């Protein structure tokens, strides 16, 4: 075998190993949730807002971050870049496909799991989350509040882009980022 043939064989082998590793690292789960229309329109989270959400929730490598309604994956990517394990849930197969590609392009697929499913489906458990991120409407946040309070462990943080939980559960802290409010709650 010539040197050129060996080098070519090694390059092909390395590419095959990389492809298998990437495929194994990227986890996309299809839940049994039936497909239905979305509750909100998709609006991407801008990078400065995503970073502010991670900072406000004090996300570290020790966290498990769930993004309920993950859209294009901006928040799971921001969490994974901080070393956290991240799980994104979205009902829209197109958003999951987009998030899968964006996670791959960001190089964080080993730290991210994506679930195509309904955030209100009790079969999709969130109890291992130490941080939950949201970019939903206030009415949906309010609908999720009882579940967050009952399933998350004390000390878990919830951070929301633009929408509060209403008067029944006031935020502990609110910051402004590019004229957008970001809210924080801690489970007691």
N, C-alpha and C. Protein backbone atom coordinates (compact mmCIF):
# COMPACT_ATOMS: atom_id res chain seq x y z
N UNK A 1 0.85 -1.17 0.00
CA UNK A 1 0.00 0.00 0.00
C UNK A 1 0.90 1.24 0.00
N UNK A 2 0.62 2.14 -0.89
CA UNK A 2 1.44 3.35 -0.99
C UNK A 2 1.07 4.31 0.13
N UNK A 3 1.93 5.28 0.33
CA UNK A 3 1.69 6.31 1.35
C UNK A 3 0.41 7.08 1.04
N UNK A 4 0.21 7.42 -0.23
CA UNK A 4 -0.98 8.17 -0.65
C UNK A 4 -2.25 7.36 -0.37
N UNK A 5 -2.20 6.06 -0.63
CA UNK A 5 -3.35 5.18 -0.38
C UNK A 5 -3.63 5.10 1.12
N UNK A 6 -2.57 4.99 1.92
CA UNK A 6 -2.74 4.94 3.38
C UNK A 6 -3.37 6.22 3.92
N UNK A 7 -2.87 7.35 3.44
CA UNK A 7 -3.41 8.64 3.87
C UNK A 7 -4.87 8.76 3.48
N UNK A 8 -5.20 8.37 2.25
CA UNK A 8 -6.59 8.42 1.78
C UNK A 8 -7.46 7.51 2.64
N UNK A 9 -6.98 6.30 2.93
CA UNK A 9 -7.74 5.37 3.76
C UNK A 9 -7.96 5.93 5.16
N UNK A 10 -6.93 6.55 5.72
CA UNK A 10 -7.06 7.14 7.05
C UNK A 10 -8.04 8.30 7.06
N UNK A 11 -8.03 9.13 6.01
CA UNK A 11 -8.96 10.25 5.92
C UNK A 11 -10.39 9.73 5.82
N UNK A 12 -10.62 8.71 5.00
CA UNK A 12 -11.96 8.12 4.86
C UNK A 12 -12.40 7.51 6.19
N UNK A 13 -11.50 6.81 6.85
CA UNK A 13 -11.82 6.20 8.15
C UNK A 13 -12.14 7.28 9.19
N UNK A 14 -11.36 8.32 9.24
CA UNK A 14 -11.61 9.41 10.19
C UNK A 14 -12.96 10.07 9.92
N UNK A 15 -13.28 10.28 8.65
CA UNK A 15 -14.58 10.88 8.29
C UNK A 15 -15.72 9.97 8.71
N UNK A 16 -15.57 8.68 8.51
CA UNK A 16 -16.61 7.73 8.90
C UNK A 16 -16.80 7.71 10.41
N UNK A 17 -15.70 7.71 11.15
CA UNK A 17 -15.79 7.74 12.62
C UNK A 17 -16.45 9.02 13.09
N UNK A 18 -16.08 10.15 12.48
CA UNK A 18 -16.69 11.43 12.86
C UNK A 18 -18.19 11.43 12.57
N UNK A 19 -18.58 10.87 11.45
CA UNK A 19 -20.01 10.82 11.10
C UNK A 19 -20.79 9.95 12.07
N UNK A 20 -20.23 8.80 12.43
CA UNK A 20 -20.90 7.90 13.38
C UNK A 20 -20.97 8.56 14.75
N UNK A 21 -19.87 9.20 15.17
CA UNK A 21 -19.85 9.88 16.47
C UNK A 21 -20.88 11.00 16.52
N UNK A 22 -20.95 11.81 15.46
CA UNK A 22 -21.91 12.91 15.42
C UNK A 22 -23.34 12.38 15.44
N UNK A 23 -23.59 11.32 14.68
CA UNK A 23 -24.94 10.75 14.65
C UNK A 23 -25.32 10.19 16.02
N UNK A 24 -24.35 9.57 16.69
CA UNK A 24 -24.64 9.01 18.01
C UNK A 24 -24.81 10.11 19.05
N UNK A 25 -24.08 11.21 18.91
CA UNK A 25 -24.13 12.28 19.90
C UNK A 25 -25.42 13.08 19.80
N UNK A 26 -25.92 13.31 18.59
CA UNK A 26 -27.14 14.10 18.42
C UNK A 26 -28.34 13.23 18.76
N UNK A 27 -29.09 13.65 19.76
CA UNK A 27 -30.24 12.87 20.19
C UNK A 27 -31.52 13.65 19.85
N UNK A 28 -32.35 13.05 19.00
CA UNK A 28 -33.65 13.62 18.70
C UNK A 28 -34.67 12.54 19.01
N UNK A 29 -35.60 12.86 19.88
CA UNK A 29 -36.61 11.91 20.32
C UNK A 29 -37.96 12.34 19.78
N UNK A 30 -38.66 11.40 19.21
CA UNK A 30 -40.02 11.65 18.73
C UNK A 30 -40.96 11.12 19.80
N UNK A 31 -41.69 12.01 20.45
CA UNK A 31 -42.61 11.57 21.50
C UNK A 31 -43.87 11.00 20.86
N UNK A 32 -44.72 10.45 21.68
CA UNK A 32 -46.00 9.93 21.20
C UNK A 32 -47.05 11.03 21.09
N UNK A 33 -46.65 12.27 21.36
CA UNK A 33 -47.55 13.40 21.28
C UNK A 33 -48.04 13.56 19.85
N UNK A 34 -49.34 13.67 19.70
CA UNK A 34 -49.85 13.89 18.36
C UNK A 34 -49.49 15.31 17.91
N UNK A 35 -49.31 15.46 16.62
CA UNK A 35 -48.99 16.77 16.08
C UNK A 35 -50.25 17.62 16.08
N UNK A 36 -50.12 18.84 16.56
CA UNK A 36 -51.21 19.80 16.55
C UNK A 36 -50.62 21.15 16.24
N UNK A 37 -51.47 22.12 16.03
CA UNK A 37 -50.94 23.45 15.73
C UNK A 37 -50.24 24.02 16.96
N UNK A 38 -49.28 24.90 16.70
CA UNK A 38 -48.52 25.53 17.78
C UNK A 38 -49.42 26.46 18.59
N UNK A 39 -49.03 26.69 19.84
CA UNK A 39 -49.74 27.64 20.70
C UNK A 39 -49.31 29.08 20.43
N UNK A 40 -48.10 29.25 19.91
CA UNK A 40 -47.54 30.58 19.65
C UNK A 40 -46.84 30.56 18.30
N UNK A 41 -46.68 31.74 17.72
CA UNK A 41 -45.88 31.81 16.51
C UNK A 41 -44.41 31.77 16.92
N UNK A 42 -43.57 31.29 16.02
CA UNK A 42 -42.16 31.21 16.31
C UNK A 42 -41.50 32.57 16.08
N UNK A 43 -40.84 33.05 17.11
CA UNK A 43 -40.01 34.25 17.03
C UNK A 43 -38.67 33.87 17.65
N UNK A 44 -37.57 33.99 16.91
CA UNK A 44 -36.28 33.56 17.46
C UNK A 44 -35.83 34.43 18.63
N UNK A 45 -35.11 33.81 19.53
CA UNK A 45 -34.48 34.53 20.64
C UNK A 45 -33.14 35.06 20.16
N UNK A 46 -32.95 36.36 20.30
CA UNK A 46 -31.70 36.98 19.89
C UNK A 46 -30.57 36.57 20.86
N UNK A 47 -29.36 36.49 20.33
CA UNK A 47 -28.21 36.04 21.12
C UNK A 47 -28.02 36.84 22.41
N UNK A 48 -28.09 38.18 22.41
CA UNK A 48 -27.91 38.90 23.68
C UNK A 48 -28.98 38.53 24.73
N UNK A 49 -30.19 38.25 24.27
CA UNK A 49 -31.26 37.86 25.20
C UNK A 49 -30.99 36.45 25.73
N UNK A 50 -30.58 35.54 24.85
CA UNK A 50 -30.26 34.18 25.27
C UNK A 50 -29.14 34.20 26.31
N UNK A 51 -28.11 35.01 26.07
CA UNK A 51 -27.00 35.11 27.02
C UNK A 51 -27.45 35.70 28.35
N UNK A 52 -28.32 36.70 28.28
CA UNK A 52 -28.85 37.30 29.52
C UNK A 52 -29.67 36.29 30.30
N UNK A 53 -30.44 35.46 29.60
CA UNK A 53 -31.24 34.43 30.28
C UNK A 53 -30.33 33.43 30.99
N UNK A 54 -29.25 33.02 30.32
CA UNK A 54 -28.31 32.07 30.92
C UNK A 54 -27.63 32.71 32.14
N UNK A 55 -27.26 33.97 32.03
CA UNK A 55 -26.60 34.68 33.15
C UNK A 55 -27.56 34.86 34.32
N UNK A 56 -28.79 35.28 34.04
CA UNK A 56 -29.76 35.50 35.10
C UNK A 56 -30.06 34.21 35.85
N UNK A 57 -30.12 33.10 35.13
CA UNK A 57 -30.37 31.80 35.76
C UNK A 57 -29.09 31.17 36.31
N UNK A 58 -27.96 31.85 36.09
CA UNK A 58 -26.66 31.37 36.56
C UNK A 58 -26.39 29.94 36.08
N UNK A 59 -26.56 29.70 34.78
CA UNK A 59 -26.36 28.38 34.20
C UNK A 59 -24.88 28.03 34.19
N UNK A 60 -24.58 26.83 34.70
CA UNK A 60 -23.20 26.32 34.73
C UNK A 60 -23.17 24.91 34.14
N UNK A 61 -21.99 24.33 34.11
CA UNK A 61 -21.80 22.97 33.60
C UNK A 61 -22.53 21.93 34.44
N UNK A 62 -22.93 22.30 35.64
CA UNK A 62 -23.62 21.37 36.53
C UNK A 62 -25.14 21.34 36.30
N UNK A 63 -25.63 22.19 35.41
CA UNK A 63 -27.08 22.30 35.20
C UNK A 63 -27.60 21.40 34.09
N UNK A 64 -28.88 21.09 34.23
CA UNK A 64 -29.66 20.46 33.17
C UNK A 64 -30.73 21.49 32.82
N UNK A 65 -30.66 22.01 31.59
CA UNK A 65 -31.53 23.09 31.15
C UNK A 65 -32.56 22.54 30.18
N UNK A 66 -33.84 22.75 30.48
CA UNK A 66 -34.93 22.40 29.56
C UNK A 66 -35.46 23.68 28.95
N UNK A 67 -35.58 23.70 27.64
CA UNK A 67 -36.21 24.82 26.94
C UNK A 67 -37.54 24.32 26.42
N UNK A 68 -38.62 24.79 27.02
CA UNK A 68 -39.97 24.36 26.63
C UNK A 68 -40.47 25.28 25.53
N UNK A 69 -40.59 24.72 24.33
CA UNK A 69 -40.88 25.50 23.14
C UNK A 69 -39.58 25.99 22.55
N UNK A 70 -38.67 25.06 22.25
CA UNK A 70 -37.27 25.42 21.92
C UNK A 70 -37.08 26.07 20.56
N UNK A 71 -38.07 26.05 19.70
CA UNK A 71 -37.92 26.72 18.41
C UNK A 71 -36.67 26.29 17.67
N UNK A 72 -35.85 27.26 17.30
CA UNK A 72 -34.64 26.98 16.51
C UNK A 72 -33.45 26.53 17.34
N UNK A 73 -33.62 26.39 18.64
CA UNK A 73 -32.56 25.86 19.49
C UNK A 73 -31.62 26.89 20.10
N UNK A 74 -31.92 28.16 19.97
CA UNK A 74 -31.02 29.20 20.47
C UNK A 74 -30.69 29.03 21.96
N UNK A 75 -31.70 28.71 22.76
CA UNK A 75 -31.46 28.62 24.21
C UNK A 75 -30.74 27.32 24.59
N UNK A 76 -31.04 26.21 23.93
CA UNK A 76 -30.30 24.98 24.25
C UNK A 76 -28.85 25.12 23.82
N UNK A 77 -28.61 25.82 22.72
CA UNK A 77 -27.23 26.06 22.28
C UNK A 77 -26.50 26.95 23.29
N UNK A 78 -27.14 28.01 23.75
CA UNK A 78 -26.53 28.90 24.74
C UNK A 78 -26.20 28.14 26.02
N UNK A 79 -27.10 27.27 26.45
CA UNK A 79 -26.87 26.48 27.67
C UNK A 79 -25.72 25.49 27.46
N UNK A 80 -25.73 24.80 26.33
CA UNK A 80 -24.69 23.81 26.04
C UNK A 80 -23.32 24.46 25.92
N UNK A 81 -23.27 25.67 25.39
CA UNK A 81 -21.99 26.37 25.28
C UNK A 81 -21.42 26.73 26.65
N UNK A 82 -22.29 26.77 27.66
CA UNK A 82 -21.83 26.99 29.04
C UNK A 82 -21.48 25.67 29.73
N UNK A 83 -21.59 24.57 28.99
CA UNK A 83 -21.25 23.26 29.54
C UNK A 83 -22.42 22.50 30.12
N UNK A 84 -23.60 23.10 30.15
CA UNK A 84 -24.78 22.42 30.70
C UNK A 84 -25.27 21.36 29.74
N UNK A 85 -26.00 20.41 30.27
CA UNK A 85 -26.73 19.47 29.43
C UNK A 85 -28.06 20.14 29.13
N UNK A 86 -28.51 20.11 27.88
CA UNK A 86 -29.71 20.85 27.50
C UNK A 86 -30.69 19.94 26.77
N UNK A 87 -31.98 20.17 27.06
CA UNK A 87 -33.07 19.42 26.43
C UNK A 87 -34.05 20.44 25.88
N UNK A 88 -34.31 20.36 24.59
CA UNK A 88 -35.28 21.25 23.95
C UNK A 88 -36.51 20.47 23.55
N UNK A 89 -37.68 21.05 23.82
CA UNK A 89 -38.95 20.40 23.46
C UNK A 89 -39.74 21.36 22.58
N UNK A 90 -40.21 20.86 21.45
CA UNK A 90 -41.05 21.66 20.57
C UNK A 90 -42.02 20.75 19.84
N UNK A 91 -43.23 21.23 19.63
CA UNK A 91 -44.26 20.43 18.97
C UNK A 91 -44.11 20.44 17.45
N UNK A 92 -43.41 21.42 16.92
CA UNK A 92 -43.32 21.62 15.47
C UNK A 92 -42.12 20.85 14.89
N UNK A 93 -42.38 19.86 14.03
CA UNK A 93 -41.27 19.10 13.43
C UNK A 93 -40.30 19.98 12.65
N UNK A 94 -40.78 21.06 12.03
CA UNK A 94 -39.89 21.96 11.30
C UNK A 94 -38.91 22.66 12.24
N UNK A 95 -39.41 23.08 13.41
CA UNK A 95 -38.52 23.74 14.38
C UNK A 95 -37.50 22.74 14.91
N UNK A 96 -37.91 21.50 15.16
CA UNK A 96 -36.97 20.48 15.64
C UNK A 96 -35.89 20.23 14.59
N UNK A 97 -36.28 20.16 13.33
CA UNK A 97 -35.30 19.97 12.25
C UNK A 97 -34.32 21.14 12.20
N UNK A 98 -34.85 22.36 12.33
CA UNK A 98 -33.99 23.54 12.32
C UNK A 98 -33.07 23.55 13.54
N UNK A 99 -33.62 23.23 14.71
CA UNK A 99 -32.80 23.19 15.93
C UNK A 99 -31.72 22.13 15.82
N UNK A 100 -32.05 20.99 15.25
CA UNK A 100 -31.06 19.92 15.07
C UNK A 100 -29.88 20.41 14.24
N UNK A 101 -30.17 21.09 13.15
CA UNK A 101 -29.11 21.61 12.29
C UNK A 101 -28.30 22.69 13.00
N UNK A 102 -28.96 23.59 13.70
CA UNK A 102 -28.25 24.67 14.40
C UNK A 102 -27.38 24.12 15.53
N UNK A 103 -27.88 23.11 16.24
CA UNK A 103 -27.09 22.47 17.30
C UNK A 103 -25.85 21.82 16.70
N UNK A 104 -26.03 21.14 15.57
CA UNK A 104 -24.89 20.51 14.89
C UNK A 104 -23.88 21.56 14.46
N UNK A 105 -24.36 22.65 13.85
CA UNK A 105 -23.46 23.71 13.39
C UNK A 105 -22.72 24.37 14.55
N UNK A 106 -23.35 24.43 15.71
CA UNK A 106 -22.71 25.03 16.89
C UNK A 106 -21.72 24.08 17.54
N UNK A 107 -21.75 22.81 17.15
CA UNK A 107 -20.81 21.83 17.70
C UNK A 107 -21.12 21.39 19.12
N UNK A 108 -22.38 21.48 19.51
CA UNK A 108 -22.75 21.12 20.89
C UNK A 108 -23.68 19.91 20.96
N UNK A 109 -23.73 19.13 19.88
CA UNK A 109 -24.68 18.02 19.82
C UNK A 109 -24.50 16.99 20.92
N UNK A 110 -23.29 16.85 21.47
CA UNK A 110 -23.06 15.88 22.54
C UNK A 110 -23.76 16.29 23.84
N UNK A 111 -24.14 17.56 23.96
CA UNK A 111 -24.73 18.06 25.20
C UNK A 111 -26.23 18.34 25.07
N UNK A 112 -26.81 18.07 23.88
CA UNK A 112 -28.20 18.47 23.62
C UNK A 112 -29.05 17.28 23.20
N UNK A 113 -30.25 17.23 23.77
CA UNK A 113 -31.29 16.30 23.33
C UNK A 113 -32.48 17.14 22.91
N UNK A 114 -33.06 16.80 21.76
CA UNK A 114 -34.25 17.49 21.28
C UNK A 114 -35.41 16.52 21.26
N UNK A 115 -36.57 17.00 21.70
CA UNK A 115 -37.78 16.17 21.75
C UNK A 115 -38.86 16.85 20.93
N UNK A 116 -39.38 16.13 19.93
CA UNK A 116 -40.54 16.64 19.20
C UNK A 116 -41.75 16.17 19.99
N UNK A 117 -42.34 17.11 20.72
CA UNK A 117 -43.47 16.77 21.55
C UNK A 117 -44.13 18.00 22.12
N UNK A 118 -45.22 17.78 22.81
CA UNK A 118 -46.05 18.83 23.39
C UNK A 118 -45.56 19.15 24.80
N UNK A 119 -45.24 20.41 25.07
CA UNK A 119 -44.72 20.79 26.39
C UNK A 119 -45.74 20.55 27.50
N UNK A 120 -47.01 20.37 27.15
CA UNK A 120 -48.04 20.11 28.15
C UNK A 120 -48.30 18.62 28.35
N UNK A 121 -47.63 17.77 27.59
CA UNK A 121 -47.79 16.33 27.70
C UNK A 121 -47.10 15.84 28.97
N UNK A 122 -47.84 15.29 29.93
CA UNK A 122 -47.21 14.84 31.18
C UNK A 122 -46.21 13.69 30.98
N UNK A 123 -46.26 13.03 29.82
CA UNK A 123 -45.29 11.96 29.54
C UNK A 123 -43.90 12.53 29.30
N UNK A 124 -43.82 13.81 28.94
CA UNK A 124 -42.52 14.47 28.79
C UNK A 124 -42.18 15.06 30.14
N UNK A 125 -41.35 14.35 30.88
CA UNK A 125 -41.03 14.75 32.24
C UNK A 125 -39.96 15.83 32.26
N UNK A 126 -40.06 16.72 33.23
CA UNK A 126 -39.10 17.83 33.34
C UNK A 126 -38.42 17.85 34.71
N UNK A 127 -38.66 16.83 35.52
CA UNK A 127 -38.19 16.82 36.90
C UNK A 127 -36.69 16.83 37.08
N UNK A 128 -35.92 16.44 36.07
CA UNK A 128 -34.47 16.48 36.24
C UNK A 128 -33.87 17.82 35.84
N UNK A 129 -34.70 18.77 35.42
CA UNK A 129 -34.20 20.10 35.06
C UNK A 129 -33.81 20.89 36.30
N UNK A 130 -32.69 21.57 36.22
CA UNK A 130 -32.33 22.53 37.27
C UNK A 130 -32.65 23.94 36.80
N UNK A 131 -32.83 24.10 35.48
CA UNK A 131 -33.23 25.37 34.88
C UNK A 131 -34.24 25.07 33.77
N UNK A 132 -35.31 25.86 33.73
CA UNK A 132 -36.27 25.79 32.62
C UNK A 132 -36.32 27.16 31.98
N UNK A 133 -36.18 27.19 30.65
CA UNK A 133 -36.28 28.44 29.91
C UNK A 133 -37.57 28.45 29.10
N UNK A 134 -38.14 29.65 28.96
CA UNK A 134 -39.42 29.81 28.27
C UNK A 134 -39.38 31.06 27.40
N UNK A 135 -40.02 30.97 26.24
CA UNK A 135 -40.33 32.15 25.43
C UNK A 135 -41.70 31.87 24.85
N UNK A 136 -42.69 31.97 25.73
CA UNK A 136 -44.08 31.68 25.41
C UNK A 136 -44.90 32.92 25.74
N UNK A 137 -46.19 32.81 25.64
CA UNK A 137 -47.08 33.89 26.07
C UNK A 137 -47.32 33.79 27.58
N UNK A 138 -47.73 34.89 28.19
CA UNK A 138 -48.02 34.87 29.63
C UNK A 138 -49.07 33.81 29.95
N UNK A 139 -50.10 33.69 29.12
CA UNK A 139 -51.15 32.70 29.38
C UNK A 139 -50.60 31.28 29.40
N UNK A 140 -49.62 30.99 28.55
CA UNK A 140 -49.02 29.65 28.54
C UNK A 140 -48.10 29.48 29.74
N UNK A 141 -47.36 30.53 30.10
CA UNK A 141 -46.54 30.47 31.31
C UNK A 141 -47.40 30.18 32.53
N UNK A 142 -48.53 30.87 32.63
CA UNK A 142 -49.45 30.65 33.75
C UNK A 142 -49.98 29.22 33.75
N UNK A 143 -50.24 28.69 32.57
CA UNK A 143 -50.73 27.31 32.47
C UNK A 143 -49.65 26.31 32.88
N UNK A 144 -48.38 26.63 32.60
CA UNK A 144 -47.26 25.76 32.98
C UNK A 144 -46.86 25.89 34.44
N UNK A 145 -47.18 27.02 35.08
CA UNK A 145 -46.72 27.30 36.44
C UNK A 145 -46.99 26.17 37.43
N UNK A 146 -48.21 25.61 37.49
CA UNK A 146 -48.43 24.52 38.45
C UNK A 146 -47.52 23.32 38.19
N UNK A 147 -47.30 23.01 36.94
CA UNK A 147 -46.42 21.89 36.60
C UNK A 147 -44.98 22.18 37.01
N UNK A 148 -44.52 23.39 36.74
CA UNK A 148 -43.16 23.77 37.13
C UNK A 148 -42.99 23.66 38.64
N UNK A 149 -43.96 24.18 39.38
CA UNK A 149 -43.88 24.16 40.85
C UNK A 149 -43.95 22.75 41.42
N UNK A 150 -44.68 21.86 40.76
CA UNK A 150 -44.84 20.51 41.31
C UNK A 150 -43.74 19.54 40.86
N UNK A 151 -43.20 19.72 39.66
CA UNK A 151 -42.23 18.75 39.14
C UNK A 151 -40.77 19.13 39.39
N UNK A 152 -40.48 20.42 39.46
CA UNK A 152 -39.09 20.84 39.64
C UNK A 152 -38.69 20.79 41.10
N UNK A 153 -37.42 20.48 41.33
CA UNK A 153 -36.90 20.41 42.69
C UNK A 153 -36.68 21.82 43.25
N UNK A 154 -36.75 21.96 44.59
CA UNK A 154 -36.43 23.25 45.19
C UNK A 154 -35.04 23.72 44.76
N UNK A 155 -34.95 24.99 44.45
CA UNK A 155 -33.69 25.56 43.99
C UNK A 155 -33.60 25.65 42.47
N UNK A 156 -34.47 24.92 41.77
CA UNK A 156 -34.48 25.01 40.31
C UNK A 156 -34.92 26.41 39.91
N UNK A 157 -34.37 26.87 38.79
CA UNK A 157 -34.69 28.21 38.32
C UNK A 157 -35.51 28.15 37.04
N UNK A 158 -36.40 29.13 36.89
CA UNK A 158 -37.21 29.29 35.68
C UNK A 158 -36.92 30.69 35.17
N UNK A 159 -36.61 30.79 33.88
CA UNK A 159 -36.31 32.09 33.29
C UNK A 159 -37.13 32.23 32.01
N UNK A 160 -37.77 33.40 31.86
CA UNK A 160 -38.67 33.63 30.73
C UNK A 160 -38.29 34.88 29.96
N UNK A 161 -38.34 34.75 28.67
CA UNK A 161 -38.08 35.85 27.75
C UNK A 161 -39.41 36.55 27.45
N UNK A 162 -39.52 37.80 27.85
CA UNK A 162 -40.60 38.72 27.49
C UNK A 162 -41.92 38.56 28.23
N UNK A 163 -42.20 37.39 28.79
CA UNK A 163 -43.52 37.17 29.39
C UNK A 163 -43.39 36.67 30.83
N UNK A 164 -44.21 37.26 31.71
CA UNK A 164 -44.19 36.90 33.13
C UNK A 164 -45.10 35.69 33.37
N UNK A 165 -45.27 35.37 34.65
CA UNK A 165 -46.18 34.31 35.08
C UNK A 165 -47.47 34.92 35.62
N UNK A 166 -47.64 36.21 35.47
CA UNK A 166 -48.85 36.87 35.96
C UNK A 166 -48.73 37.26 37.42
N UNK A 167 -49.79 37.81 37.94
CA UNK A 167 -49.79 38.32 39.33
C UNK A 167 -49.74 37.21 40.37
N UNK A 168 -50.16 36.00 40.00
CA UNK A 168 -50.18 34.90 40.97
C UNK A 168 -48.78 34.40 41.33
N UNK A 169 -47.82 34.63 40.45
CA UNK A 169 -46.44 34.20 40.70
C UNK A 169 -45.49 35.27 40.20
N UNK A 170 -45.28 36.32 41.01
CA UNK A 170 -44.41 37.41 40.57
C UNK A 170 -42.95 36.96 40.46
N UNK A 171 -42.25 37.54 39.51
CA UNK A 171 -40.83 37.22 39.31
C UNK A 171 -40.01 37.73 40.48
N UNK A 172 -38.94 37.01 40.81
CA UNK A 172 -38.00 37.45 41.84
C UNK A 172 -37.12 38.58 41.32
N UNK A 173 -36.82 38.48 40.03
CA UNK A 173 -35.91 39.45 39.43
C UNK A 173 -36.31 39.64 37.97
N UNK A 174 -36.20 40.86 37.50
CA UNK A 174 -36.46 41.19 36.10
C UNK A 174 -35.32 42.08 35.61
N UNK A 175 -34.78 41.75 34.44
CA UNK A 175 -33.75 42.59 33.83
C UNK A 175 -34.22 42.97 32.42
N UNK A 176 -33.70 44.08 31.95
CA UNK A 176 -34.01 44.55 30.60
C UNK A 176 -32.81 44.27 29.70
N UNK A 177 -33.08 43.68 28.54
CA UNK A 177 -32.05 43.40 27.56
C UNK A 177 -32.61 43.82 26.20
N UNK A 178 -31.98 44.80 25.59
CA UNK A 178 -32.44 45.28 24.29
C UNK A 178 -33.95 45.53 24.28
N UNK A 179 -34.43 46.26 25.26
CA UNK A 179 -35.84 46.61 25.39
C UNK A 179 -36.77 45.41 25.59
N UNK A 180 -36.20 44.29 26.03
CA UNK A 180 -36.96 43.08 26.31
C UNK A 180 -36.79 42.73 27.77
N UNK A 181 -37.87 42.37 28.44
CA UNK A 181 -37.79 41.92 29.83
C UNK A 181 -37.42 40.44 29.88
N UNK A 182 -36.58 40.11 30.85
CA UNK A 182 -36.24 38.72 31.14
C UNK A 182 -36.54 38.52 32.62
N UNK A 183 -37.32 37.47 32.92
CA UNK A 183 -37.83 37.23 34.27
C UNK A 183 -37.21 35.97 34.87
N UNK A 184 -37.03 35.98 36.21
CA UNK A 184 -36.47 34.84 36.91
C UNK A 184 -37.33 34.47 38.11
N UNK A 185 -37.53 33.16 38.30
CA UNK A 185 -38.20 32.59 39.47
C UNK A 185 -37.34 31.44 39.98
N UNK A 186 -37.40 31.19 41.28
CA UNK A 186 -36.73 30.03 41.87
C UNK A 186 -37.79 29.17 42.55
N UNK A 187 -37.74 27.87 42.32
CA UNK A 187 -38.69 26.95 42.94
C UNK A 187 -38.33 26.81 44.42
N UNK A 188 -39.31 26.98 45.27
CA UNK A 188 -39.11 26.90 46.74
C UNK A 188 -39.65 25.60 47.29
